[in-house]
Structures are given as C-alpha cells and as structure tokens.
Amino acid sequence: MNVLSISFYLEKQEGLFPLLPRVVDLVSDSGIPVIVAGGIVDGRGYVAALALGAQGVCLGTRYYLGHLY
C-alpha cells in the first residue's frame, strides 16, 4: 500500500477493522506480516484482528490507564 492509498483511507476516516482485510489482501503475496496497532482495547479486539488476517497485534497504551504505584 503506498502513501497515496493510505492518505485516501485516512481522509475517509475509515476504521481499523474495515481496512484490515484489504491491507492483508494487498500484502498477502509479498510475505509481509501485518501487525495491527491502535484501537485494540480488549481481548475481543485482539481476536477480531487475528480473525481478519493480522499476524500480530501491538498493545500498550491501554495499560497507561492503570495505576502503577
């Protein structure tokens, strides 16, 4: 996916889950793994991303809400 395609999708404000299967289809022949980041806040989102073709999920900012001390 090139920069022009990405900016087109962002201008339409399309969410992660509708976009993910198209990205997976675009890179499926190249062997590039698709790692999803952003908007995944629980186990259901994690499972949904994997079901839609992602090879991995990057989590982290959700833990920012937790009390560390």
N, C-alpha and C. Protein backbone atom coordinates (compact mmCIF):
# COMPACT_ATOMS: atom_id res chain seq x y z
N MET A 1 0.85 -1.16 0.00
CA MET A 1 0.00 0.00 0.00
C MET A 1 0.90 1.23 0.00
N ASN A 2 0.67 2.14 -0.90
CA ASN A 2 1.52 3.33 -0.96
C ASN A 2 0.92 4.47 -0.13
N VAL A 3 1.69 5.54 -0.01
CA VAL A 3 1.28 6.68 0.82
C VAL A 3 -0.02 7.29 0.32
N LEU A 4 -0.19 7.35 -0.99
CA LEU A 4 -1.41 7.93 -1.56
C LEU A 4 -2.64 7.12 -1.14
N SER A 5 -2.54 5.81 -1.18
CA SER A 5 -3.67 4.96 -0.77
C SER A 5 -3.98 5.14 0.70
N ILE A 6 -2.96 5.21 1.52
CA ILE A 6 -3.17 5.38 2.96
C ILE A 6 -3.84 6.72 3.24
N SER A 7 -3.38 7.79 2.60
CA SER A 7 -3.98 9.10 2.86
C SER A 7 -5.42 9.12 2.38
N PHE A 8 -5.75 8.40 1.32
CA PHE A 8 -7.13 8.33 0.85
C PHE A 8 -8.02 7.69 1.91
N TYR A 9 -7.56 6.60 2.49
CA TYR A 9 -8.35 5.93 3.53
C TYR A 9 -8.49 6.81 4.77
N LEU A 10 -7.42 7.50 5.13
CA LEU A 10 -7.48 8.35 6.32
C LEU A 10 -8.43 9.52 6.11
N GLU A 11 -8.47 10.06 4.90
CA GLU A 11 -9.39 11.17 4.63
C GLU A 11 -10.84 10.72 4.76
N LYS A 12 -11.11 9.47 4.43
CA LYS A 12 -12.46 8.95 4.58
C LYS A 12 -12.74 8.57 6.03
N GLN A 13 -11.74 8.62 6.89
CA GLN A 13 -11.83 8.27 8.30
C GLN A 13 -12.38 6.86 8.49
N GLU A 14 -11.84 5.96 7.74
CA GLU A 14 -12.24 4.57 7.85
C GLU A 14 -11.53 3.94 9.04
N GLY A 15 -12.24 3.12 9.77
CA GLY A 15 -11.68 2.49 10.96
C GLY A 15 -10.74 1.34 10.64
N LEU A 16 -10.14 0.83 11.68
CA LEU A 16 -9.16 -0.25 11.56
C LEU A 16 -9.76 -1.53 11.00
N PHE A 17 -10.87 -1.96 11.53
CA PHE A 17 -11.40 -3.26 11.15
C PHE A 17 -11.93 -3.33 9.71
N PRO A 18 -12.57 -2.31 9.17
CA PRO A 18 -12.94 -2.39 7.75
C PRO A 18 -11.73 -2.35 6.82
N LEU A 19 -10.68 -1.70 7.25
CA LEU A 19 -9.48 -1.55 6.41
C LEU A 19 -8.58 -2.78 6.45
N LEU A 20 -8.55 -3.47 7.56
CA LEU A 20 -7.61 -4.57 7.77
C LEU A 20 -7.68 -5.68 6.71
N PRO A 21 -8.84 -6.21 6.35
CA PRO A 21 -8.85 -7.28 5.34
C PRO A 21 -8.28 -6.82 3.99
N ARG A 22 -8.49 -5.56 3.63
CA ARG A 22 -7.95 -5.06 2.36
C ARG A 22 -6.44 -4.97 2.40
N VAL A 23 -5.91 -4.53 3.53
CA VAL A 23 -4.45 -4.46 3.67
C VAL A 23 -3.85 -5.86 3.63
N VAL A 24 -4.46 -6.80 4.32
CA VAL A 24 -3.98 -8.19 4.31
C VAL A 24 -3.99 -8.74 2.90
N ASP A 25 -5.05 -8.48 2.14
CA ASP A 25 -5.13 -8.94 0.76
C ASP A 25 -4.04 -8.31 -0.11
N LEU A 26 -3.76 -7.03 0.11
CA LEU A 26 -2.75 -6.34 -0.69
C LEU A 26 -1.35 -6.89 -0.49
N VAL A 27 -1.03 -7.29 0.72
CA VAL A 27 0.35 -7.73 1.01
C VAL A 27 0.48 -9.25 1.12
N SER A 28 -0.59 -9.98 0.89
CA SER A 28 -0.56 -11.43 1.10
C SER A 28 0.47 -12.15 0.24
N ASP A 29 0.71 -11.71 -0.97
CA ASP A 29 1.67 -12.38 -1.85
C ASP A 29 3.12 -11.97 -1.57
N SER A 30 3.32 -10.90 -0.82
CA SER A 30 4.68 -10.41 -0.59
C SER A 30 5.36 -11.01 0.63
N GLY A 31 4.59 -11.67 1.49
CA GLY A 31 5.16 -12.25 2.70
C GLY A 31 5.38 -11.24 3.82
N ILE A 32 4.86 -10.04 3.67
CA ILE A 32 5.00 -9.01 4.70
C ILE A 32 3.95 -9.28 5.79
N PRO A 33 4.37 -9.43 7.05
CA PRO A 33 3.39 -9.64 8.11
C PRO A 33 2.62 -8.35 8.41
N VAL A 34 1.36 -8.49 8.71
CA VAL A 34 0.53 -7.34 9.07
C VAL A 34 0.38 -7.34 10.59
N ILE A 35 0.89 -6.28 11.22
CA ILE A 35 0.80 -6.10 12.65
C ILE A 35 -0.15 -4.93 12.91
N VAL A 36 -1.19 -5.16 13.68
CA VAL A 36 -2.21 -4.16 13.94
C VAL A 36 -1.85 -3.39 15.20
N ALA A 37 -2.01 -2.07 15.16
CA ALA A 37 -1.78 -1.23 16.34
C ALA A 37 -2.80 -0.11 16.36
N GLY A 38 -3.32 0.17 17.53
CA GLY A 38 -4.26 1.28 17.69
C GLY A 38 -5.69 0.83 17.69
N GLY A 39 -6.41 1.19 18.72
CA GLY A 39 -7.83 0.89 18.79
C GLY A 39 -8.17 -0.47 19.35
N ILE A 40 -7.18 -1.26 19.71
CA ILE A 40 -7.43 -2.57 20.30
C ILE A 40 -7.38 -2.39 21.82
N VAL A 41 -8.50 -2.59 22.50
CA VAL A 41 -8.54 -2.30 23.94
C VAL A 41 -8.88 -3.51 24.80
N ASP A 42 -9.25 -4.63 24.17
CA ASP A 42 -9.58 -5.81 24.98
C ASP A 42 -9.35 -7.07 24.16
N GLY A 43 -9.64 -8.20 24.77
CA GLY A 43 -9.43 -9.49 24.12
C GLY A 43 -10.28 -9.69 22.88
N ARG A 44 -11.47 -9.12 22.87
CA ARG A 44 -12.34 -9.25 21.69
C ARG A 44 -11.73 -8.57 20.48
N GLY A 45 -11.15 -7.39 20.69
CA GLY A 45 -10.48 -6.69 19.58
C GLY A 45 -9.27 -7.44 19.10
N TYR A 46 -8.53 -8.04 20.03
CA TYR A 46 -7.35 -8.85 19.70
C TYR A 46 -7.75 -10.03 18.81
N VAL A 47 -8.76 -10.75 19.24
CA VAL A 47 -9.23 -11.91 18.48
C VAL A 47 -9.79 -11.49 17.13
N ALA A 48 -10.53 -10.38 17.09
CA ALA A 48 -11.10 -9.90 15.83
C ALA A 48 -10.00 -9.54 14.83
N ALA A 49 -8.94 -8.89 15.30
CA ALA A 49 -7.83 -8.52 14.40
C ALA A 49 -7.18 -9.77 13.82
N LEU A 50 -6.97 -10.78 14.65
CA LEU A 50 -6.38 -12.03 14.15
C LEU A 50 -7.33 -12.73 13.18
N ALA A 51 -8.63 -12.70 13.47
CA ALA A 51 -9.61 -13.34 12.59
C ALA A 51 -9.69 -12.65 11.24
N LEU A 52 -9.39 -11.35 11.20
CA LEU A 52 -9.44 -10.60 9.94
C LEU A 52 -8.14 -10.69 9.16
N GLY A 53 -7.16 -11.45 9.67
CA GLY A 53 -5.96 -11.72 8.90
C GLY A 53 -4.67 -11.15 9.43
N ALA A 54 -4.70 -10.38 10.50
CA ALA A 54 -3.46 -9.84 11.06
C ALA A 54 -2.62 -10.98 11.63
N GLN A 55 -1.30 -10.86 11.50
CA GLN A 55 -0.41 -11.85 12.07
C GLN A 55 0.02 -11.50 13.49
N GLY A 56 -0.26 -10.28 13.91
CA GLY A 56 0.09 -9.85 15.26
C GLY A 56 -0.67 -8.60 15.64
N VAL A 57 -0.68 -8.33 16.95
CA VAL A 57 -1.36 -7.16 17.49
C VAL A 57 -0.41 -6.48 18.47
N CYS A 58 -0.25 -5.18 18.33
CA CYS A 58 0.61 -4.41 19.21
C CYS A 58 -0.28 -3.66 20.21
N LEU A 59 -0.13 -4.00 21.48
CA LEU A 59 -0.90 -3.37 22.54
C LEU A 59 0.03 -2.55 23.42
N GLY A 60 -0.53 -1.61 24.16
CA GLY A 60 0.32 -0.88 25.08
C GLY A 60 -0.32 0.33 25.71
N THR A 61 -0.96 1.18 24.94
CA THR A 61 -1.46 2.42 25.50
C THR A 61 -2.62 2.19 26.46
N ARG A 62 -3.33 1.11 26.33
CA ARG A 62 -4.43 0.81 27.25
C ARG A 62 -3.89 0.67 28.67
N TYR A 63 -2.70 0.14 28.81
CA TYR A 63 -2.11 -0.04 30.13
C TYR A 63 -1.73 1.29 30.78
N TYR A 64 -1.67 2.33 30.01
CA TYR A 64 -1.37 3.65 30.54
C TYR A 64 -2.43 4.11 31.55
N LEU A 65 -3.64 3.61 31.40
CA LEU A 65 -4.72 3.99 32.28
C LEU A 65 -4.62 3.34 33.66
N GLY A 66 -3.80 2.31 33.75
CA GLY A 66 -3.67 1.60 35.02
C GLY A 66 -2.82 2.36 36.02
N HIS A 67 -3.04 2.08 37.30
CA HIS A 67 -2.26 2.69 38.38
C HIS A 67 -1.01 1.83 38.62
N LEU A 68 0.16 2.39 38.44
CA LEU A 68 1.40 1.64 38.54
C LEU A 68 2.04 1.68 39.92
N TYR A 69 1.64 2.60 40.76
CA TYR A 69 2.31 2.74 42.07
C TYR A 69 1.38 2.41 43.21
